[in-house]
Amino acid sequence: MEHTKRLTMGAILTALALALSYMERFFPLQLLIPLPGVKLGLANLVTVFALYFLTVREAGMILILRCALGSLFSTGVTAFLFSIGGGILALLVMAALKRCKGLSLYGISMAGAAAHNIGQLSVAALVLGSSYVWAYLPFLLLVSLATGAITGTVAAYGFRGLLGAGLRMR
């Protein structure tokens, strides 16, 4: 029964991540922050949740499925490369930082947002064959502090409700 529950949870979280990723397109963040490609990272809420309530492996599978299905449904192969590059680096950084005592969910989320941007720029440098994309990094890192803090705040409030309902963190 445990396997079935975990599989079901993974499927639900993948669907939720896809929905959040799609919904994010309707937030005109470029009006506030006029930088191309800047997003809130709502789908990363699912990655943070999976990291804390499931295994790193399961969180990785949800991330890969979200990126693959998202690119299949709408964004294409190039967007898949950017999503998967940023997502995997963010997951690895957050998983490593989660083991550090005293580091809050906010800090881990902010570090994940920064790592996501670094991963995406790494992919961009490879795809474009240019190191000029790294000039964009300081701006993205500033934005990632804000978006990571927002994601961390939403996750913290959500976690309180889930823990109150009896769900256990790993």
C-alpha atoms as a PDB file:
ATOM      1  CA  MET A   1       0.000   0.000   0.000  1.00  0.00           C
ATOM      2  CA  GLU A   2       2.842   2.430   0.773  1.00  0.00           C
ATOM      3  CA  HIS A   3       4.144   2.161  -2.817  1.00  0.00           C
ATOM      4  CA  THR A   4       0.716   3.004  -4.223  1.00  0.00           C
ATOM      5  CA  LYS A   5       0.397   6.053  -1.961  1.00  0.00           C
ATOM      6  CA  ARG A   6       3.809   7.353  -2.985  1.00  0.00           C
ATOM      7  CA  LEU A   7       3.098   6.772  -6.671  1.00  0.00           C
ATOM      8  CA  THR A   8      -0.233   8.570  -6.347  1.00  0.00           C
ATOM      9  CA  MET A   9       1.404  11.448  -4.474  1.00  0.00           C
ATOM     10  CA  GLY A  10       4.023  11.727  -7.208  1.00  0.00           C
ATOM     11  CA  ALA A  11       1.368  11.831  -9.928  1.00  0.00           C
ATOM     12  CA  ILE A  12      -0.663  14.474  -8.082  1.00  0.00           C
ATOM     13  CA  LEU A  13       2.421  16.604  -7.443  1.00  0.00           C
ATOM     14  CA  THR A  14       3.501  16.336 -11.082  1.00  0.00           C
ATOM     15  CA  ALA A  15       0.053  17.502 -12.198  1.00  0.00           C
ATOM     16  CA  LEU A  16       0.133  20.332  -9.648  1.00  0.00           C
ATOM     17  CA  ALA A  17       3.598  21.427 -10.812  1.00  0.00           C
ATOM     18  CA  LEU A  18       2.391  21.473 -14.427  1.00  0.00           C
ATOM     19  CA  ALA A  19      -0.671  23.505 -13.467  1.00  0.00           C
ATOM     20  CA  LEU A  20       1.401  26.006 -11.464  1.00  0.00           C
ATOM     21  CA  SER A  21       3.889  26.315 -14.298  1.00  0.00           C
ATOM     22  CA  TYR A  22       1.059  27.039 -16.712  1.00  0.00           C
ATOM     23  CA  MET A  23      -0.667  29.498 -14.350  1.00  0.00           C
ATOM     24  CA  GLU A  24       2.569  31.402 -13.906  1.00  0.00           C
ATOM     25  CA  ARG A  25       2.270  32.670 -17.476  1.00  0.00           C
ATOM     26  CA  PHE A  26      -0.679  34.815 -16.425  1.00  0.00           C
ATOM     27  CA  PHE A  27       1.352  36.818 -13.885  1.00  0.00           C
ATOM     28  CA  PRO A  28       2.838  39.750 -15.833  1.00  0.00           C
ATOM     29  CA  LEU A  29       6.055  39.838 -13.810  1.00  0.00           C
ATOM     30  CA  GLN A  30       7.875  41.522 -16.723  1.00  0.00           C
ATOM     31  CA  LEU A  31       5.851  44.663 -15.976  1.00  0.00           C
ATOM     32  CA  LEU A  32       7.547  44.901 -12.566  1.00  0.00           C
ATOM     33  CA  ILE A  33      10.895  43.395 -13.496  1.00  0.00           C
ATOM     34  CA  PRO A  34      11.670  44.059 -17.164  1.00  0.00           C
ATOM     35  CA  LEU A  35      14.073  41.149 -17.627  1.00  0.00           C
ATOM     36  CA  PRO A  36      13.421  38.390 -20.153  1.00  0.00           C
ATOM     37  CA  GLY A  37      12.563  35.001 -18.732  1.00  0.00           C
ATOM     38  CA  VAL A  38      11.941  36.135 -15.155  1.00  0.00           C
ATOM     39  CA  LYS A  39       9.274  34.029 -13.443  1.00  0.00           C
ATOM     40  CA  LEU A  40       8.032  33.570  -9.895  1.00  0.00           C
ATOM     41  CA  GLY A  41       8.923  29.889  -9.879  1.00  0.00           C
ATOM     42  CA  LEU A  42       5.577  28.642  -8.607  1.00  0.00           C
ATOM     43  CA  ALA A  43       6.261  25.113  -9.841  1.00  0.00           C
ATOM     44  CA  ASN A  44       9.315  25.099  -7.577  1.00  0.00           C
ATOM     45  CA  LEU A  45       6.899  25.012  -4.641  1.00  0.00           C
ATOM     46  CA  VAL A  46       6.217  21.420  -5.625  1.00  0.00           C
ATOM     47  CA  THR A  47       9.934  20.647  -5.764  1.00  0.00           C
ATOM     48  CA  VAL A  48      10.412  22.111  -2.273  1.00  0.00           C
ATOM     49  CA  PHE A  49       7.430  20.156  -0.958  1.00  0.00           C
ATOM     50  CA  ALA A  50       8.672  16.900  -2.507  1.00  0.00           C
ATOM     51  CA  LEU A  51      12.142  17.497  -1.108  1.00  0.00           C
ATOM     52  CA  TYR A  52      10.773  17.815   2.426  1.00  0.00           C
ATOM     53  CA  PHE A  53       7.988  15.230   2.373  1.00  0.00           C
ATOM     54  CA  LEU A  54       9.267  12.635  -0.124  1.00  0.00           C
ATOM     55  CA  THR A  55      12.733  11.429  -1.097  1.00  0.00           C
ATOM     56  CA  VAL A  56      15.237  13.371  -3.201  1.00  0.00           C
ATOM     57  CA  ARG A  57      14.839  10.693  -5.870  1.00  0.00           C
ATOM     58  CA  GLU A  58      11.065  11.149  -5.937  1.00  0.00           C
ATOM     59  CA  ALA A  59      11.458  14.936  -6.033  1.00  0.00           C
ATOM     60  CA  GLY A  60      13.823  14.505  -8.980  1.00  0.00           C
ATOM     61  CA  MET A  61      11.388  12.287 -10.846  1.00  0.00           C
ATOM     62  CA  ILE A  62       8.571  14.807 -10.337  1.00  0.00           C
ATOM     63  CA  LEU A  63      10.863  17.580 -11.572  1.00  0.00           C
ATOM     64  CA  ILE A  64      11.919  15.636 -14.672  1.00  0.00           C
ATOM     65  CA  LEU A  65       8.318  14.704 -15.501  1.00  0.00           C
ATOM     66  CA  ARG A  66       7.162  18.299 -15.031  1.00  0.00           C
ATOM     67  CA  CYS A  67       9.875  19.630 -17.320  1.00  0.00           C
ATOM     68  CA  ALA A  68       9.337  16.936 -19.951  1.00  0.00           C
ATOM     69  CA  LEU A  69       5.550  17.193 -19.991  1.00  0.00           C
ATOM     70  CA  GLY A  70       5.627  20.991 -19.871  1.00  0.00           C
ATOM     71  CA  SER A  71       7.894  21.134 -22.904  1.00  0.00           C
ATOM     72  CA  LEU A  72       5.842  18.499 -24.696  1.00  0.00           C
ATOM     73  CA  PHE A  73       2.578  20.386 -24.130  1.00  0.00           C
ATOM     74  CA  SER A  74       3.717  23.904 -24.847  1.00  0.00           C
ATOM     75  CA  THR A  75       7.247  25.193 -24.620  1.00  0.00           C
ATOM     76  CA  GLY A  76       9.454  22.972 -26.783  1.00  0.00           C
ATOM     77  CA  VAL A  77      12.878  21.370 -26.577  1.00  0.00           C
ATOM     78  CA  THR A  78      14.935  24.475 -25.859  1.00  0.00           C
ATOM     79  CA  ALA A  79      12.721  25.424 -22.934  1.00  0.00           C
ATOM     80  CA  PHE A  80      13.035  21.835 -21.673  1.00  0.00           C
ATOM     81  CA  LEU A  81      16.821  22.180 -21.609  1.00  0.00           C
ATOM     82  CA  PHE A  82      16.606  25.435 -19.645  1.00  0.00           C
ATOM     83  CA  SER A  83      14.009  24.032 -17.229  1.00  0.00           C
ATOM     84  CA  ILE A  84      15.794  20.764 -16.583  1.00  0.00           C
ATOM     85  CA  GLY A  85      19.215  22.416 -16.238  1.00  0.00           C
ATOM     86  CA  GLY A  86      17.944  24.958 -13.739  1.00  0.00           C
ATOM     87  CA  GLY A  87      15.635  22.535 -11.961  1.00  0.00           C
ATOM     88  CA  ILE A  88      18.185  19.798 -11.375  1.00  0.00           C
ATOM     89  CA  LEU A  89      20.823  22.202 -10.086  1.00  0.00           C
ATOM     90  CA  ALA A  90      18.251  23.840  -7.797  1.00  0.00           C
ATOM     91  CA  LEU A  91      17.137  20.451  -6.453  1.00  0.00           C
ATOM     92  CA  LEU A  92      20.714  19.322  -5.795  1.00  0.00           C
ATOM     93  CA  VAL A  93      21.609  22.579  -4.024  1.00  0.00           C
ATOM     94  CA  MET A  94      18.449  22.536  -1.906  1.00  0.00           C
ATOM     95  CA  ALA A  95      18.939  18.855  -1.011  1.00  0.00           C
ATOM     96  CA  ALA A  96      22.499  19.573   0.116  1.00  0.00           C
ATOM     97  CA  LEU A  97      21.512  22.677   2.095  1.00  0.00           C
ATOM     98  CA  LYS A  98      18.579  20.914   3.719  1.00  0.00           C
ATOM     99  CA  ARG A  99      21.138  18.846   5.622  1.00  0.00           C
ATOM    100  CA  CYS A 100      22.686  21.980   7.154  1.00  0.00           C
ATOM    101  CA  LYS A 101      21.459  22.634  10.654  1.00  0.00           C
ATOM    102  CA  GLY A 102      20.027  26.073  11.264  1.00  0.00           C
ATOM    103  CA  LEU A 103      19.327  26.949   7.640  1.00  0.00           C
ATOM    104  CA  SER A 104      15.693  27.934   7.208  1.00  0.00           C
ATOM    105  CA  LEU A 105      13.258  26.965   4.510  1.00  0.00           C
ATOM    106  CA  TYR A 106      13.493  30.569   3.300  1.00  0.00           C
ATOM    107  CA  GLY A 107      17.258  30.369   2.867  1.00  0.00           C
ATOM    108  CA  ILE A 108      17.055  27.006   1.150  1.00  0.00           C
ATOM    109  CA  SER A 109      14.357  28.274  -1.201  1.00  0.00           C
ATOM    110  CA  MET A 110      16.365  31.389  -2.042  1.00  0.00           C
ATOM    111  CA  ALA A 111      19.476  29.306  -2.699  1.00  0.00           C
ATOM    112  CA  GLY A 112      17.382  27.023  -4.916  1.00  0.00           C
ATOM    113  CA  ALA A 113      16.123  30.008  -6.916  1.00  0.00           C
ATOM    114  CA  ALA A 114      19.683  31.274  -7.365  1.00  0.00           C
ATOM    115  CA  ALA A 115      20.895  27.808  -8.369  1.00  0.00           C
ATOM    116  CA  HIS A 116      18.041  27.544 -10.861  1.00  0.00           C
ATOM    117  CA  ASN A 117      19.221  30.733 -12.552  1.00  0.00           C
ATOM    118  CA  ILE A 118      22.818  29.524 -12.597  1.00  0.00           C
ATOM    119  CA  GLY A 119      21.709  26.229 -14.138  1.00  0.00           C
ATOM    120  CA  GLN A 120      19.694  28.011 -16.807  1.00  0.00           C
ATOM    121  CA  LEU A 121      22.579  30.318 -17.669  1.00  0.00           C
ATOM    122  CA  SER A 122      24.891  27.310 -17.881  1.00  0.00           C
ATOM    123  CA  VAL A 123      22.548  25.753 -20.429  1.00  0.00           C
ATOM    124  CA  ALA A 124      22.286  29.071 -22.290  1.00  0.00           C
ATOM    125  CA  ALA A 125      26.081  29.356 -22.457  1.00  0.00           C
ATOM    126  CA  LEU A 126      26.279  25.832 -23.905  1.00  0.00           C
ATOM    127  CA  VAL A 127      23.388  26.241 -26.356  1.00  0.00           C
ATOM    128  CA  LEU A 128      24.509  29.657 -27.572  1.00  0.00           C
ATOM    129  CA  GLY A 129      28.206  28.863 -27.388  1.00  0.00           C
ATOM    130  CA  SER A 130      28.808  32.177 -25.669  1.00  0.00           C
ATOM    131  CA  SER A 131      29.957  33.266 -22.250  1.00  0.00           C
ATOM    132  CA  TYR A 132      28.252  36.647 -22.639  1.00  0.00           C
ATOM    133  CA  VAL A 133      25.097  35.274 -21.013  1.00  0.00           C
ATOM    134  CA  TRP A 134      26.886  35.390 -17.651  1.00  0.00           C
ATOM    135  CA  ALA A 135      26.580  39.189 -17.682  1.00  0.00           C
ATOM    136  CA  TYR A 136      22.897  38.573 -16.933  1.00  0.00           C
ATOM    137  CA  LEU A 137      23.685  36.667 -13.708  1.00  0.00           C
ATOM    138  CA  PRO A 138      23.837  39.587 -11.205  1.00  0.00           C
ATOM    139  CA  PHE A 139      20.368  40.741 -12.237  1.00  0.00           C
ATOM    140  CA  LEU A 140      18.951  37.225 -12.067  1.00  0.00           C
ATOM    141  CA  LEU A 141      20.495  36.641  -8.648  1.00  0.00           C
ATOM    142  CA  LEU A 142      18.862  39.795  -7.288  1.00  0.00           C
ATOM    143  CA  VAL A 143      15.501  38.677  -8.640  1.00  0.00           C
ATOM    144  CA  SER A 144      16.049  35.160  -7.278  1.00  0.00           C
ATOM    145  CA  LEU A 145      16.373  36.560  -3.754  1.00  0.00           C
ATOM    146  CA  ALA A 146      12.864  37.969  -4.028  1.00  0.00           C
ATOM    147  CA  THR A 147      11.275  35.042  -5.864  1.00  0.00           C
ATOM    148  CA  GLY A 148      13.001  32.521  -3.582  1.00  0.00           C
ATOM    149  CA  ALA A 149      11.765  34.397  -0.513  1.00  0.00           C
ATOM    150  CA  ILE A 150       8.216  34.379  -1.895  1.00  0.00           C
ATOM    151  CA  THR A 151       8.407  30.659  -2.639  1.00  0.00           C
ATOM    152  CA  GLY A 152       9.894  29.997   0.794  1.00  0.00           C
ATOM    153  CA  THR A 153       7.136  31.988   2.489  1.00  0.00           C
ATOM    154  CA  VAL A 154       4.352  30.180   0.636  1.00  0.00           C
ATOM    155  CA  ALA A 155       6.030  26.829   1.347  1.00  0.00           C
ATOM    156  CA  ALA A 156       6.426  27.640   5.065  1.00  0.00           C
ATOM    157  CA  TYR A 157       2.734  28.491   5.423  1.00  0.00           C
ATOM    158  CA  GLY A 158       1.761  25.400   3.463  1.00  0.00           C
ATOM    159  CA  PHE A 159       4.035  23.188   5.545  1.00  0.00           C
ATOM    160  CA  ARG A 160       2.453  24.450   8.767  1.00  0.00           C
ATOM    161  CA  GLY A 161      -0.964  23.388   7.524  1.00  0.00           C
ATOM    162  CA  LEU A 162       0.278  20.012   6.308  1.00  0.00           C
ATOM    163  CA  LEU A 163       2.147  19.270   9.523  1.00  0.00           C
ATOM    164  CA  GLY A 164      -0.961  20.246  11.479  1.00  0.00           C
ATOM    165  CA  ALA A 165      -2.911  17.737   9.386  1.00  0.00           C
ATOM    166  CA  GLY A 166      -0.513  14.961  10.415  1.00  0.00           C
ATOM    167  CA  LEU A 167       1.795  14.767   7.374  1.00  0.00           C
ATOM    168  CA  ARG A 168       5.420  14.073   8.346  1.00  0.00           C
ATOM    169  CA  MET A 169       8.597  15.580   6.953  1.00  0.00           C
ATOM    170  CA  ARG A 170      11.524  13.404   6.002  1.00  0.00           C
END
